[in-house]
C-alpha atoms as a PDB file:
ATOM      1  CA  MET A   1      67.014  28.884  26.393  1.00  0.00           C
ATOM      2  CA  GLY A   2      69.910  27.466  24.410  1.00  0.00           C
ATOM      3  CA  THR A   3      72.266  24.528  24.728  1.00  0.00           C
ATOM      4  CA  VAL A   4      76.031  24.622  25.000  1.00  0.00           C
ATOM      5  CA  TYR A   5      78.140  21.480  24.651  1.00  0.00           C
ATOM      6  CA  LEU A   6      81.484  21.568  26.462  1.00  0.00           C
ATOM      7  CA  ILE A   7      83.530  18.906  24.718  1.00  0.00           C
ATOM      8  CA  ARG A   8      86.696  17.878  26.565  1.00  0.00           C
ATOM      9  CA  GLY A   9      89.578  15.617  25.623  1.00  0.00           C
ATOM     10  CA  VAL A  10      93.219  15.451  24.670  1.00  0.00           C
ATOM     11  CA  PRO A  11      94.300  16.415  21.141  1.00  0.00           C
ATOM     12  CA  GLY A  12      93.278  13.729  18.671  1.00  0.00           C
ATOM     13  CA  SER A  13      90.338  12.485  20.747  1.00  0.00           C
ATOM     14  CA  GLY A  14      87.689  13.599  18.234  1.00  0.00           C
ATOM     15  CA  LYS A  15      86.421  16.819  19.846  1.00  0.00           C
ATOM     16  CA  SER A  16      86.253  18.817  16.611  1.00  0.00           C
ATOM     17  CA  THR A  17      84.558  16.001  14.722  1.00  0.00           C
ATOM     18  CA  LEU A  18      81.906  15.637  17.416  1.00  0.00           C
ATOM     19  CA  ALA A  19      81.338  19.401  17.563  1.00  0.00           C
ATOM     20  CA  LYS A  20      80.653  19.437  13.812  1.00  0.00           C
ATOM     21  CA  LYS A  21      77.945  16.819  14.332  1.00  0.00           C
ATOM     22  CA  LEU A  22      76.267  18.803  17.105  1.00  0.00           C
ATOM     23  CA  CYS A  23      75.938  22.262  15.583  1.00  0.00           C
ATOM     24  CA  PHE A  24      76.679  24.596  12.697  1.00  0.00           C
ATOM     25  CA  LYS A  25      80.358  25.287  12.027  1.00  0.00           C
ATOM     26  CA  GLU A  26      79.855  28.995  12.802  1.00  0.00           C
ATOM     27  CA  ASN A  27      78.729  28.062  16.329  1.00  0.00           C
ATOM     28  CA  ILE A  28      81.800  25.986  17.206  1.00  0.00           C
ATOM     29  CA  CYS A  29      84.321  27.571  19.544  1.00  0.00           C
ATOM     30  CA  GLU A  30      87.806  26.077  19.662  1.00  0.00           C
ATOM     31  CA  ALA A  31      91.077  27.516  20.885  1.00  0.00           C
ATOM     32  CA  ASP A  32      92.618  25.648  17.923  1.00  0.00           C
ATOM     33  CA  ASP A  33      90.999  28.176  15.596  1.00  0.00           C
ATOM     34  CA  PHE A  34      93.453  30.768  16.864  1.00  0.00           C
ATOM     35  CA  TYR A  35      96.577  28.742  16.011  1.00  0.00           C
ATOM     36  CA  THR A  36      96.364  29.244  12.263  1.00  0.00           C
ATOM     37  CA  ASP A  37      99.595  30.324  10.589  1.00  0.00           C
ATOM     38  CA  GLU A  38     100.024  32.670   7.621  1.00  0.00           C
ATOM     39  CA  ASN A  39      99.382  29.764   5.203  1.00  0.00           C
ATOM     40  CA  GLY A  40      96.084  28.820   6.845  1.00  0.00           C
ATOM     41  CA  VAL A  41      97.601  25.747   8.531  1.00  0.00           C
ATOM     42  CA  LYS A  42      96.696  25.089  12.161  1.00  0.00           C
ATOM     43  CA  ARG A  43      99.831  24.650  14.280  1.00  0.00           C
ATOM     44  CA  TYR A  44      99.714  24.434  18.053  1.00  0.00           C
ATOM     45  CA  ASP A  45     101.774  27.137  19.781  1.00  0.00           C
ATOM     46  CA  SER A  46     102.006  26.871  23.567  1.00  0.00           C
ATOM     47  CA  LEU A  47     103.121  30.512  23.773  1.00  0.00           C
ATOM     48  CA  GLN A  48      99.779  31.585  22.314  1.00  0.00           C
ATOM     49  CA  ALA A  49      97.649  29.281  24.488  1.00  0.00           C
ATOM     50  CA  TRP A  50      96.326  31.957  26.842  1.00  0.00           C
ATOM     51  CA  ILE A  51      95.356  34.252  23.982  1.00  0.00           C
ATOM     52  CA  ALA A  52      93.668  31.403  22.118  1.00  0.00           C
ATOM     53  CA  GLU A  53      91.665  30.395  25.206  1.00  0.00           C
ATOM     54  CA  HIS A  54      90.594  34.007  25.763  1.00  0.00           C
ATOM     55  CA  GLU A  55      89.483  34.418  22.128  1.00  0.00           C
ATOM     56  CA  CYS A  56      87.557  31.133  22.275  1.00  0.00           C
ATOM     57  CA  TYR A  57      85.697  32.276  25.398  1.00  0.00           C
ATOM     58  CA  ALA A  58      84.960  35.668  23.816  1.00  0.00           C
ATOM     59  CA  LYS A  59      83.490  33.965  20.731  1.00  0.00           C
ATOM     60  CA  CYS A  60      81.281  31.760  22.915  1.00  0.00           C
ATOM     61  CA  LYS A  61      80.047  34.826  24.787  1.00  0.00           C
ATOM     62  CA  ARG A  62      79.228  36.635  21.519  1.00  0.00           C
ATOM     63  CA  LEU A  63      77.232  33.606  20.335  1.00  0.00           C
ATOM     64  CA  MET A  64      75.284  33.511  23.600  1.00  0.00           C
ATOM     65  CA  GLU A  65      74.608  37.242  23.373  1.00  0.00           C
ATOM     66  CA  ARG A  66      73.072  36.562  19.937  1.00  0.00           C
ATOM     67  CA  ASN A  67      70.946  33.775  21.471  1.00  0.00           C
ATOM     68  CA  GLU A  68      72.297  31.079  19.165  1.00  0.00           C
ATOM     69  CA  PRO A  69      70.290  27.944  20.023  1.00  0.00           C
ATOM     70  CA  VAL A  70      73.198  25.453  19.986  1.00  0.00           C
ATOM     71  CA  ILE A  71      76.877  26.142  20.665  1.00  0.00           C
ATOM     72  CA  ALA A  72      79.772  23.689  20.982  1.00  0.00           C
ATOM     73  CA  VAL A  73      83.031  24.513  22.759  1.00  0.00           C
ATOM     74  CA  ALA A  74      85.652  21.895  21.879  1.00  0.00           C
ATOM     75  CA  ASN A  75      88.816  22.387  23.916  1.00  0.00           C
ATOM     76  CA  ILE A  76      91.180  20.232  25.938  1.00  0.00           C
ATOM     77  CA  PHE A  77      89.755  21.406  29.306  1.00  0.00           C
ATOM     78  CA  CYS A  78      92.293  19.199  31.040  1.00  0.00           C
ATOM     79  CA  TYR A  79      91.267  20.382  34.496  1.00  0.00           C
ATOM     80  CA  GLN A  80      87.721  20.743  35.773  1.00  0.00           C
ATOM     81  CA  GLU A  81      88.393  24.316  36.913  1.00  0.00           C
ATOM     82  CA  MET A  82      88.907  25.320  33.262  1.00  0.00           C
ATOM     83  CA  LEU A  83      85.206  24.702  32.651  1.00  0.00           C
ATOM     84  CA  GLN A  84      83.935  26.971  35.402  1.00  0.00           C
ATOM     85  CA  GLN A  85      83.977  30.203  33.407  1.00  0.00           C
ATOM     86  CA  TYR A  86      81.820  28.532  30.740  1.00  0.00           C
ATOM     87  CA  TYR A  87      79.363  27.237  33.352  1.00  0.00           C
ATOM     88  CA  ARG A  88      79.044  30.778  34.752  1.00  0.00           C
ATOM     89  CA  LEU A  89      78.575  32.189  31.254  1.00  0.00           C
ATOM     90  CA  ALA A  90      75.888  29.594  30.479  1.00  0.00           C
ATOM     91  CA  GLU A  91      74.058  30.465  33.673  1.00  0.00           C
ATOM     92  CA  GLN A  92      74.249  34.178  32.883  1.00  0.00           C
ATOM     93  CA  TYR A  93      72.714  33.655  29.422  1.00  0.00           C
ATOM     94  CA  ASN A  94      70.334  30.856  30.443  1.00  0.00           C
ATOM     95  CA  TYR A  95      72.005  28.010  28.525  1.00  0.00           C
ATOM     96  CA  THR A  96      71.782  24.343  29.425  1.00  0.00           C
ATOM     97  CA  VAL A  97      75.248  22.762  29.651  1.00  0.00           C
ATOM     98  CA  HIS A  98      76.137  19.270  28.460  1.00  0.00           C
ATOM     99  CA  GLU A  99      79.689  18.241  29.307  1.00  0.00           C
ATOM    100  CA  ILE A 100      81.131  15.539  27.056  1.00  0.00           C
ATOM    101  CA  ILE A 101      84.507  13.815  27.384  1.00  0.00           C
ATOM    102  CA  SER A 102      85.903  12.554  24.089  1.00  0.00           C
ATOM    103  CA  HIS A 103      88.071   9.424  24.450  1.00  0.00           C
ATOM    104  CA  GLY A 104      89.125   8.722  20.849  1.00  0.00           C
ATOM    105  CA  ARG A 105      92.755   8.040  19.958  1.00  0.00           C
ATOM    106  CA  PHE A 106      93.282   9.581  16.544  1.00  0.00           C
ATOM    107  CA  LYS A 107      96.249  11.489  15.172  1.00  0.00           C
ATOM    108  CA  SER A 108      95.985  15.183  16.066  1.00  0.00           C
ATOM    109  CA  VAL A 109      95.076  17.238  13.003  1.00  0.00           C
ATOM    110  CA  HIS A 110      96.520  20.337  14.654  1.00  0.00           C
ATOM    111  CA  SER A 111     100.192  19.291  14.687  1.00  0.00           C
ATOM    112  CA  VAL A 112     100.279  18.776  18.456  1.00  0.00           C
ATOM    113  CA  PRO A 113     103.428  16.805  19.362  1.00  0.00           C
ATOM    114  CA  ASP A 114     102.743  13.215  20.509  1.00  0.00           C
ATOM    115  CA  GLU A 115     104.795  13.772  23.687  1.00  0.00           C
ATOM    116  CA  PHE A 116     102.544  16.670  24.686  1.00  0.00           C
ATOM    117  CA  VAL A 117      99.412  14.597  24.033  1.00  0.00           C
ATOM    118  CA  GLU A 118     100.747  11.873  26.349  1.00  0.00           C
ATOM    119  CA  GLU A 119     101.558  14.441  29.051  1.00  0.00           C
ATOM    120  CA  LEU A 120      97.977  15.714  28.856  1.00  0.00           C
ATOM    121  CA  ARG A 121      96.600  12.164  29.094  1.00  0.00           C
ATOM    122  CA  GLU A 122      98.470  11.691  32.367  1.00  0.00           C
ATOM    123  CA  VAL A 123      97.037  14.800  34.042  1.00  0.00           C
ATOM    124  CA  PHE A 124      93.528  14.833  32.520  1.00  0.00           C
ATOM    125  CA  GLU A 125      90.829  15.068  35.225  1.00  0.00           C
ATOM    126  CA  TYR A 126      87.773  12.906  34.627  1.00  0.00           C
ATOM    127  CA  ASN A 127      85.735  13.839  37.689  1.00  0.00           C
END
């Protein structure tokens, strides 16, 4: 049985930093990883959001299929319903889930506009 950490929070809240403390870099799944431009710079692109979320989920599934002992998924997960597919996946592969909400207020390292961060803060579900 493995452990998966679902780390939630708005951009700049410290999700990536926490994930790096919880497991190996190779076992971290983030939609942000799929926003890298041709120069290797991560730049948020709302048009690519669905694809990035899908790729993040697929990576998590591959890690569970390999029975990696600890996995961290660090995404915004603004709404509780966004977590449900990961809870089902964890159940399917016999992983214990720990849901963590990150509350930090740092500058986003992924070039997410401040206005968008504030919009997410207003709609973020805590229960």
